[in-house]
Amino acid sequence: MKAILLAAGKGTRLRPLTDTIPKCLIPINGEPLLEIWLRLLKGYGVKEVLINMHCHASQVEEFLSKDDSELRIKAVYEDKLLGSAGTVLANKDFFAGEEAFFIIYADNLTDMDLTKMAQFHRSRNKEGLLTMGLHRTDNPGACGIAVLDDHGLITSFIEKPGNPESNLANAGIYVAGQGVFDYIPSGKEIVDFGFDVFPALVGRMYGYEIEEYLLDIGTPENYKRAESEWRLL
């Protein structure tokens, strides 16, 4: 399988730390987050990875020049941010011939079993559209929230709902197939999965609950949590 790591975010909420380092290279107990992801992807059989860059791109390039993971890595620079789905669409050729591939927000920290999620996707999603990784949150009003039926089909998805119907939040880890490109609008400068793609996929995509450790390190509070919790796993 192939994977794309979405790593071009500005990391605004983590300033001043991200004034001098890209968010994807923030160290978790001394190990860059990107290194953790590359190790996890290799461990679950991913062979090729595409990484998009924007802020402090030269640091990402320098890091990748020293990478010894044996993964085939392609780094692409975005002069202007395209949005999560916009980046995937712009790199459609990278996924040519792939029945299924991972789309991952690189600011997540997890030790999840990627193989289980890929197997779930193949068993449920006959159209090969998309399976969304989900996790339970204590603050659903601040997240993209999914509602599932008894078979795991997503019957509702709303970003930051005023009256959340569940606490299953978008984890920023997806398995997708070629059919997903038909649902990514072209012609927009910035295209986001949560706002521009998922509403059209309601009733056609599945949700996979991630039971392993998962944390978005995008805030100072969560980064501090990650430093203390990750060493205990």
C-alpha atoms as a PDB file:
ATOM      1  CA  MET A   1       0.000   0.000   0.000  1.00  0.00           C
ATOM      2  CA  LYS A   2       0.874   3.652  -0.344  1.00  0.00           C
ATOM      3  CA  ALA A   3       0.224   6.491   2.080  1.00  0.00           C
ATOM      4  CA  ILE A   4       0.146  10.261   2.066  1.00  0.00           C
ATOM      5  CA  LEU A   5       1.189  12.130   5.208  1.00  0.00           C
ATOM      6  CA  LEU A   6      -0.403  15.570   5.318  1.00  0.00           C
ATOM      7  CA  ALA A   7       2.374  17.561   6.942  1.00  0.00           C
ATOM      8  CA  ALA A   8       2.091  21.083   5.517  1.00  0.00           C
ATOM      9  CA  GLY A   9       0.071  22.639   8.321  1.00  0.00           C
ATOM     10  CA  LYS A  10       1.304  25.860   9.899  1.00  0.00           C
ATOM     11  CA  GLY A  11       0.871  24.658  13.480  1.00  0.00           C
ATOM     12  CA  THR A  12      -0.461  28.050  14.541  1.00  0.00           C
ATOM     13  CA  ARG A  13      -1.798  26.814  17.879  1.00  0.00           C
ATOM     14  CA  LEU A  14       1.629  25.472  18.845  1.00  0.00           C
ATOM     15  CA  ARG A  15       3.459  28.767  18.535  1.00  0.00           C
ATOM     16  CA  PRO A  16       6.083  29.777  19.547  1.00  0.00           C
ATOM     17  CA  LEU A  17       7.379  26.206  19.147  1.00  0.00           C
ATOM     18  CA  THR A  18       6.371  26.078  15.482  1.00  0.00           C
ATOM     19  CA  ASP A  19       7.979  29.453  14.745  1.00  0.00           C
ATOM     20  CA  THR A  20      11.255  27.581  14.285  1.00  0.00           C
ATOM     21  CA  ILE A  21      10.279  23.975  13.528  1.00  0.00           C
ATOM     22  CA  PRO A  22       7.562  22.358  11.370  1.00  0.00           C
ATOM     23  CA  LYS A  23       4.791  20.700  13.319  1.00  0.00           C
ATOM     24  CA  CYS A  24       5.556  17.303  11.796  1.00  0.00           C
ATOM     25  CA  LEU A  25       9.080  17.392  13.270  1.00  0.00           C
ATOM     26  CA  ILE A  26       8.064  18.288  16.809  1.00  0.00           C
ATOM     27  CA  PRO A  27       9.844  15.787  19.080  1.00  0.00           C
ATOM     28  CA  ILE A  28       7.890  13.344  21.204  1.00  0.00           C
ATOM     29  CA  ASN A  29      10.331  12.396  23.946  1.00  0.00           C
ATOM     30  CA  GLY A  30      13.168  13.245  21.587  1.00  0.00           C
ATOM     31  CA  GLU A  31      11.822  11.486  18.476  1.00  0.00           C
ATOM     32  CA  PRO A  32      10.342  13.595  15.644  1.00  0.00           C
ATOM     33  CA  LEU A  33       6.667  12.900  15.046  1.00  0.00           C
ATOM     34  CA  LEU A  34       7.365  12.239  11.360  1.00  0.00           C
ATOM     35  CA  GLU A  35       9.889   9.564  12.304  1.00  0.00           C
ATOM     36  CA  ILE A  36       7.266   7.847  14.463  1.00  0.00           C
ATOM     37  CA  TRP A  37       4.871   7.817  11.505  1.00  0.00           C
ATOM     38  CA  LEU A  38       7.425   6.438   9.056  1.00  0.00           C
ATOM     39  CA  ARG A  39       8.277   3.639  11.465  1.00  0.00           C
ATOM     40  CA  LEU A  40       4.604   2.789  11.955  1.00  0.00           C
ATOM     41  CA  LEU A  41       3.875   2.795   8.222  1.00  0.00           C
ATOM     42  CA  LYS A  42       6.846   0.579   7.441  1.00  0.00           C
ATOM     43  CA  GLY A  43       5.873  -1.804  10.233  1.00  0.00           C
ATOM     44  CA  TYR A  44       2.474  -2.342   8.634  1.00  0.00           C
ATOM     45  CA  GLY A  45       3.758  -2.963   5.141  1.00  0.00           C
ATOM     46  CA  VAL A  46       3.437   0.431   3.477  1.00  0.00           C
ATOM     47  CA  LYS A  47       6.080   0.737   0.759  1.00  0.00           C
ATOM     48  CA  GLU A  48       5.709   4.276  -0.609  1.00  0.00           C
ATOM     49  CA  VAL A  49       4.888   7.524   1.167  1.00  0.00           C
ATOM     50  CA  LEU A  50       4.159  11.009  -0.152  1.00  0.00           C
ATOM     51  CA  ILE A  51       4.689  13.927   2.233  1.00  0.00           C
ATOM     52  CA  ASN A  52       3.512  17.464   1.501  1.00  0.00           C
ATOM     53  CA  MET A  53       5.440  20.410   2.913  1.00  0.00           C
ATOM     54  CA  HIS A  54       4.953  24.137   3.397  1.00  0.00           C
ATOM     55  CA  CYS A  55       6.279  25.803   6.551  1.00  0.00           C
ATOM     56  CA  HIS A  56       9.979  25.171   7.256  1.00  0.00           C
ATOM     57  CA  ALA A  57      10.105  22.823   4.269  1.00  0.00           C
ATOM     58  CA  SER A  58      13.910  22.824   4.193  1.00  0.00           C
ATOM     59  CA  GLN A  59      13.962  21.197   7.635  1.00  0.00           C
ATOM     60  CA  VAL A  60      11.647  18.440   6.434  1.00  0.00           C
ATOM     61  CA  GLU A  61      13.845  17.882   3.379  1.00  0.00           C
ATOM     62  CA  GLU A  62      16.951  17.698   5.558  1.00  0.00           C
ATOM     63  CA  PHE A  63      15.254  15.206   7.869  1.00  0.00           C
ATOM     64  CA  LEU A  64      14.182  13.027   4.943  1.00  0.00           C
ATOM     65  CA  SER A  65      17.684  13.121   3.451  1.00  0.00           C
ATOM     66  CA  LYS A  66      18.859  11.234   6.535  1.00  0.00           C
ATOM     67  CA  ASP A  67      15.925   8.817   6.662  1.00  0.00           C
ATOM     68  CA  ASP A  68      16.943   5.165   6.874  1.00  0.00           C
ATOM     69  CA  SER A  69      13.465   3.607   6.933  1.00  0.00           C
ATOM     70  CA  GLU A  70      13.932   2.071   3.434  1.00  0.00           C
ATOM     71  CA  LEU A  71      10.550   3.486   2.442  1.00  0.00           C
ATOM     72  CA  ARG A  72      10.268   5.109  -0.976  1.00  0.00           C
ATOM     73  CA  ILE A  73       9.468   8.694  -0.020  1.00  0.00           C
ATOM     74  CA  LYS A  74       8.333  11.523  -2.273  1.00  0.00           C
ATOM     75  CA  ALA A  75       8.240  15.021  -0.788  1.00  0.00           C
ATOM     76  CA  VAL A  76       6.215  17.751  -2.506  1.00  0.00           C
ATOM     77  CA  TYR A  77       6.292  21.444  -1.669  1.00  0.00           C
ATOM     78  CA  GLU A  78       3.092  23.510  -1.652  1.00  0.00           C
ATOM     79  CA  ASP A  79       3.727  27.184  -2.310  1.00  0.00           C
ATOM     80  CA  LYS A  80       0.084  27.779  -1.378  1.00  0.00           C
ATOM     81  CA  LEU A  81      -1.788  25.397   0.887  1.00  0.00           C
ATOM     82  CA  LEU A  82      -4.316  23.310  -1.036  1.00  0.00           C
ATOM     83  CA  GLY A  83      -6.286  21.869   1.876  1.00  0.00           C
ATOM     84  CA  SER A  84      -6.356  18.217   2.869  1.00  0.00           C
ATOM     85  CA  ALA A  85      -8.453  16.989  -0.055  1.00  0.00           C
ATOM     86  CA  GLY A  86      -6.859  19.461  -2.457  1.00  0.00           C
ATOM     87  CA  THR A  87      -3.448  17.960  -1.746  1.00  0.00           C
ATOM     88  CA  VAL A  88      -4.721  14.434  -2.341  1.00  0.00           C
ATOM     89  CA  LEU A  89      -6.309  15.466  -5.645  1.00  0.00           C
ATOM     90  CA  ALA A  90      -3.180  17.320  -6.782  1.00  0.00           C
ATOM     91  CA  ASN A  91      -1.182  14.126  -6.254  1.00  0.00           C
ATOM     92  CA  LYS A  92      -3.704  11.742  -7.802  1.00  0.00           C
ATOM     93  CA  ASP A  93      -1.049  10.219 -10.075  1.00  0.00           C
ATOM     94  CA  PHE A  94       0.894   9.004  -7.028  1.00  0.00           C
ATOM     95  CA  PHE A  95      -1.983   6.656  -6.191  1.00  0.00           C
ATOM     96  CA  ALA A  96      -2.519   5.320  -9.726  1.00  0.00           C
ATOM     97  CA  GLY A  97      -3.186   1.584  -9.687  1.00  0.00           C
ATOM     98  CA  GLU A  98      -3.697   1.425  -5.919  1.00  0.00           C
ATOM     99  CA  GLU A  99      -6.891  -0.311  -4.843  1.00  0.00           C
ATOM    100  CA  ALA A 100      -6.631   1.293  -1.408  1.00  0.00           C
ATOM    101  CA  PHE A 101      -4.303   3.808   0.218  1.00  0.00           C
ATOM    102  CA  PHE A 102      -3.892   5.684   3.511  1.00  0.00           C
ATOM    103  CA  ILE A 103      -4.537   9.399   3.961  1.00  0.00           C
ATOM    104  CA  ILE A 104      -3.072  10.548   7.270  1.00  0.00           C
ATOM    105  CA  TYR A 105      -2.843  13.863   9.098  1.00  0.00           C
ATOM    106  CA  ALA A 106       0.732  13.823  10.359  1.00  0.00           C
ATOM    107  CA  ASP A 107      -0.027  15.750  13.553  1.00  0.00           C
ATOM    108  CA  ASN A 108      -1.666  12.689  15.095  1.00  0.00           C
ATOM    109  CA  LEU A 109       0.219  10.442  17.487  1.00  0.00           C
ATOM    110  CA  THR A 110      -0.886   6.808  17.554  1.00  0.00           C
ATOM    111  CA  ASP A 111       0.252   3.210  17.817  1.00  0.00           C
ATOM    112  CA  MET A 112      -2.819   1.855  16.007  1.00  0.00           C
ATOM    113  CA  ASP A 113      -2.912  -1.317  13.919  1.00  0.00           C
ATOM    114  CA  LEU A 114      -3.118  -0.003  10.357  1.00  0.00           C
ATOM    115  CA  THR A 115      -3.593  -3.491   8.913  1.00  0.00           C
ATOM    116  CA  LYS A 116      -6.837  -3.979  10.833  1.00  0.00           C
ATOM    117  CA  MET A 117      -8.204  -0.722   9.496  1.00  0.00           C
ATOM    118  CA  ALA A 118      -7.260  -1.626   5.920  1.00  0.00           C
ATOM    119  CA  GLN A 119      -8.913  -5.030   6.325  1.00  0.00           C
ATOM    120  CA  PHE A 120     -12.063  -3.374   7.669  1.00  0.00           C
ATOM    121  CA  HIS A 121     -12.127  -1.040   4.674  1.00  0.00           C
ATOM    122  CA  ARG A 122     -11.875  -3.891   2.194  1.00  0.00           C
ATOM    123  CA  SER A 123     -14.545  -5.953   3.941  1.00  0.00           C
ATOM    124  CA  ARG A 124     -17.103  -3.144   4.283  1.00  0.00           C
ATOM    125  CA  ASN A 125     -16.523  -0.674   1.521  1.00  0.00           C
ATOM    126  CA  LYS A 126     -17.344  -2.545  -1.669  1.00  0.00           C
ATOM    127  CA  GLU A 127     -17.238   0.686  -3.679  1.00  0.00           C
ATOM    128  CA  GLY A 128     -13.781   1.376  -2.307  1.00  0.00           C
ATOM    129  CA  LEU A 129     -14.660   4.970  -1.484  1.00  0.00           C
ATOM    130  CA  LEU A 130     -13.454   5.798   2.011  1.00  0.00           C
ATOM    131  CA  THR A 131     -13.245   4.535   5.566  1.00  0.00           C
ATOM    132  CA  MET A 132     -12.839   7.199   8.234  1.00  0.00           C
ATOM    133  CA  GLY A 133     -10.870   6.471  11.382  1.00  0.00           C
ATOM    134  CA  LEU A 134     -12.844   7.570  14.444  1.00  0.00           C
ATOM    135  CA  HIS A 135     -12.070   8.040  18.116  1.00  0.00           C
ATOM    136  CA  ARG A 136     -14.226   8.874  21.101  1.00  0.00           C
ATOM    137  CA  THR A 137     -13.903  12.436  22.320  1.00  0.00           C
ATOM    138  CA  ASP A 138     -14.940  14.295  25.462  1.00  0.00           C
ATOM    139  CA  ASN A 139     -15.478  17.487  23.451  1.00  0.00           C
ATOM    140  CA  PRO A 140     -17.596  16.606  20.389  1.00  0.00           C
ATOM    141  CA  GLY A 141     -18.585  20.208  19.755  1.00  0.00           C
ATOM    142  CA  ALA A 142     -15.007  20.967  18.722  1.00  0.00           C
ATOM    143  CA  CYS A 143     -14.656  18.073  16.258  1.00  0.00           C
ATOM    144  CA  GLY A 144     -16.050  16.597  13.087  1.00  0.00           C
ATOM    145  CA  ILE A 145     -18.623  14.132  14.423  1.00  0.00           C
ATOM    146  CA  ALA A 146     -19.913  10.981  12.723  1.00  0.00           C
ATOM    147  CA  VAL A 147     -23.029   8.933  13.397  1.00  0.00           C
ATOM    148  CA  LEU A 148     -22.927   5.255  12.406  1.00  0.00           C
ATOM    149  CA  ASP A 149     -25.585   2.653  11.716  1.00  0.00           C
ATOM    150  CA  ASP A 150     -25.305  -0.921  12.991  1.00  0.00           C
ATOM    151  CA  HIS A 151     -23.060  -1.880  10.063  1.00  0.00           C
ATOM    152  CA  GLY A 152     -20.600   0.960  10.515  1.00  0.00           C
ATOM    153  CA  LEU A 153     -21.997   3.073   7.670  1.00  0.00           C
ATOM    154  CA  ILE A 154     -21.687   6.796   8.356  1.00  0.00           C
ATOM    155  CA  THR A 155     -25.207   8.229   8.236  1.00  0.00           C
ATOM    156  CA  SER A 156     -24.295  11.741   9.373  1.00  0.00           C
ATOM    157  CA  PHE A 157     -21.138  13.836   9.511  1.00  0.00           C
ATOM    158  CA  ILE A 158     -21.064  17.404  10.820  1.00  0.00           C
ATOM    159  CA  GLU A 159     -18.075  19.615  11.582  1.00  0.00           C
ATOM    160  CA  LYS A 160     -18.240  21.115  15.077  1.00  0.00           C
ATOM    161  CA  PRO A 161     -21.961  20.445  15.616  1.00  0.00           C
ATOM    162  CA  GLY A 162     -23.955  22.592  17.993  1.00  0.00           C
ATOM    163  CA  ASN A 163     -25.892  19.560  19.242  1.00  0.00           C
ATOM    164  CA  PRO A 164     -23.657  16.506  18.725  1.00  0.00           C
ATOM    165  CA  GLU A 165     -25.479  13.226  18.112  1.00  0.00           C
ATOM    166  CA  SER A 166     -22.461  11.121  19.077  1.00  0.00           C
ATOM    167  CA  ASN A 167     -18.944  11.417  20.456  1.00  0.00           C
ATOM    168  CA  LEU A 168     -17.251   9.626  17.535  1.00  0.00           C
ATOM    169  CA  ALA A 169     -14.809  12.158  16.117  1.00  0.00           C
ATOM    170  CA  ASN A 170     -12.882  12.241  12.876  1.00  0.00           C
ATOM    171  CA  ALA A 171      -9.377  10.986  13.699  1.00  0.00           C
ATOM    172  CA  GLY A 172      -7.693  12.295  10.549  1.00  0.00           C
ATOM    173  CA  ILE A 173      -6.709   8.792   9.412  1.00  0.00           C
ATOM    174  CA  TYR A 174      -8.480   7.365   6.359  1.00  0.00           C
ATOM    175  CA  VAL A 175      -8.315   4.456   3.950  1.00  0.00           C
ATOM    176  CA  ALA A 176      -9.523   5.462   0.499  1.00  0.00           C
ATOM    177  CA  GLY A 177      -9.870   4.006  -2.967  1.00  0.00           C
ATOM    178  CA  GLN A 178      -9.854   5.445  -6.467  1.00  0.00           C
ATOM    179  CA  GLY A 179     -13.554   6.302  -6.261  1.00  0.00           C
ATOM    180  CA  VAL A 180     -12.871   9.038  -3.718  1.00  0.00           C
ATOM    181  CA  PHE A 181     -11.417  11.282  -6.425  1.00  0.00           C
ATOM    182  CA  ASP A 182     -14.887  11.601  -7.967  1.00  0.00           C
ATOM    183  CA  TYR A 183     -16.020  13.376  -4.794  1.00  0.00           C
ATOM    184  CA  ILE A 184     -13.184  15.894  -4.476  1.00  0.00           C
ATOM    185  CA  PRO A 185     -14.280  19.138  -6.153  1.00  0.00           C
ATOM    186  CA  SER A 186     -11.829  20.731  -8.558  1.00  0.00           C
ATOM    187  CA  GLY A 187     -11.499  24.412  -9.339  1.00  0.00           C
ATOM    188  CA  LYS A 188     -11.286  25.562  -5.708  1.00  0.00           C
ATOM    189  CA  GLU A 189      -8.096  26.969  -4.220  1.00  0.00           C
ATOM    190  CA  ILE A 190      -8.526  25.088  -0.942  1.00  0.00           C
ATOM    191  CA  VAL A 191     -10.466  21.832  -0.634  1.00  0.00           C
ATOM    192  CA  ASP A 192     -11.040  20.301   2.789  1.00  0.00           C
ATOM    193  CA  PHE A 193     -12.211  16.754   3.450  1.00  0.00           C
ATOM    194  CA  GLY A 194     -14.399  17.714   6.395  1.00  0.00           C
ATOM    195  CA  PHE A 195     -16.295  20.536   4.712  1.00  0.00           C
ATOM    196  CA  ASP A 196     -16.083  19.774   0.990  1.00  0.00           C
ATOM    197  CA  VAL A 197     -15.939  15.984   0.612  1.00  0.00           C
ATOM    198  CA  PHE A 198     -17.423  14.110   3.550  1.00  0.00           C
ATOM    199  CA  PRO A 199     -20.919  15.654   3.340  1.00  0.00           C
ATOM    200  CA  ALA A 200     -21.235  14.157  -0.163  1.00  0.00           C
ATOM    201  CA  LEU A 201     -19.993  10.770   1.068  1.00  0.00           C
ATOM    202  CA  VAL A 202     -22.535  10.393   3.887  1.00  0.00           C
ATOM    203  CA  GLY A 203     -24.278   7.070   3.365  1.00  0.00           C
ATOM    204  CA  ARG A 204     -21.407   5.805   1.209  1.00  0.00           C
ATOM    205  CA  MET A 205     -18.411   5.775   3.579  1.00  0.00           C
ATOM    206  CA  TYR A 206     -17.748   3.741   6.705  1.00  0.00           C
ATOM    207  CA  GLY A 207     -16.400   4.528  10.136  1.00  0.00           C
ATOM    208  CA  TYR A 208     -13.710   2.523  11.900  1.00  0.00           C
ATOM    209  CA  GLU A 209     -13.292   3.135  15.617  1.00  0.00           C
ATOM    210  CA  ILE A 210      -9.643   3.326  16.634  1.00  0.00           C
ATOM    211  CA  GLU A 211      -9.322   1.700  20.032  1.00  0.00           C
ATOM    212  CA  GLU A 212      -5.575   2.148  20.418  1.00  0.00           C
ATOM    213  CA  TYR A 213      -3.848   5.275  21.696  1.00  0.00           C
ATOM    214  CA  LEU A 214      -4.474   8.350  19.545  1.00  0.00           C
ATOM    215  CA  LEU A 215      -3.872  12.024  20.251  1.00  0.00           C
ATOM    216  CA  ASP A 216      -3.843  15.150  18.078  1.00  0.00           C
ATOM    217  CA  ILE A 217      -0.757  17.003  19.312  1.00  0.00           C
ATOM    218  CA  GLY A 218      -1.863  20.292  17.750  1.00  0.00           C
ATOM    219  CA  THR A 219      -2.297  22.237  21.006  1.00  0.00           C
ATOM    220  CA  PRO A 220       0.203  22.979  23.807  1.00  0.00           C
ATOM    221  CA  GLU A 221      -1.960  21.014  26.241  1.00  0.00           C
ATOM    222  CA  ASN A 222      -2.053  17.914  24.036  1.00  0.00           C
ATOM    223  CA  TYR A 223       1.638  18.171  23.251  1.00  0.00           C
ATOM    224  CA  LYS A 224       2.380  18.134  26.968  1.00  0.00           C
ATOM    225  CA  ARG A 225       0.067  15.120  27.348  1.00  0.00           C
ATOM    226  CA  ALA A 226       1.821  13.321  24.523  1.00  0.00           C
ATOM    227  CA  GLU A 227       5.209  13.799  26.143  1.00  0.00           C
ATOM    228  CA  SER A 228       4.018  12.175  29.366  1.00  0.00           C
ATOM    229  CA  GLU A 229       1.721   9.483  27.949  1.00  0.00           C
ATOM    230  CA  TRP A 230       3.752   8.218  24.984  1.00  0.00           C
ATOM    231  CA  ARG A 231       6.666   7.049  27.134  1.00  0.00           C
ATOM    232  CA  LEU A 232       4.298   4.807  29.095  1.00  0.00           C
ATOM    233  CA  LEU A 233       3.070   2.850  26.063  1.00  0.00           C
END
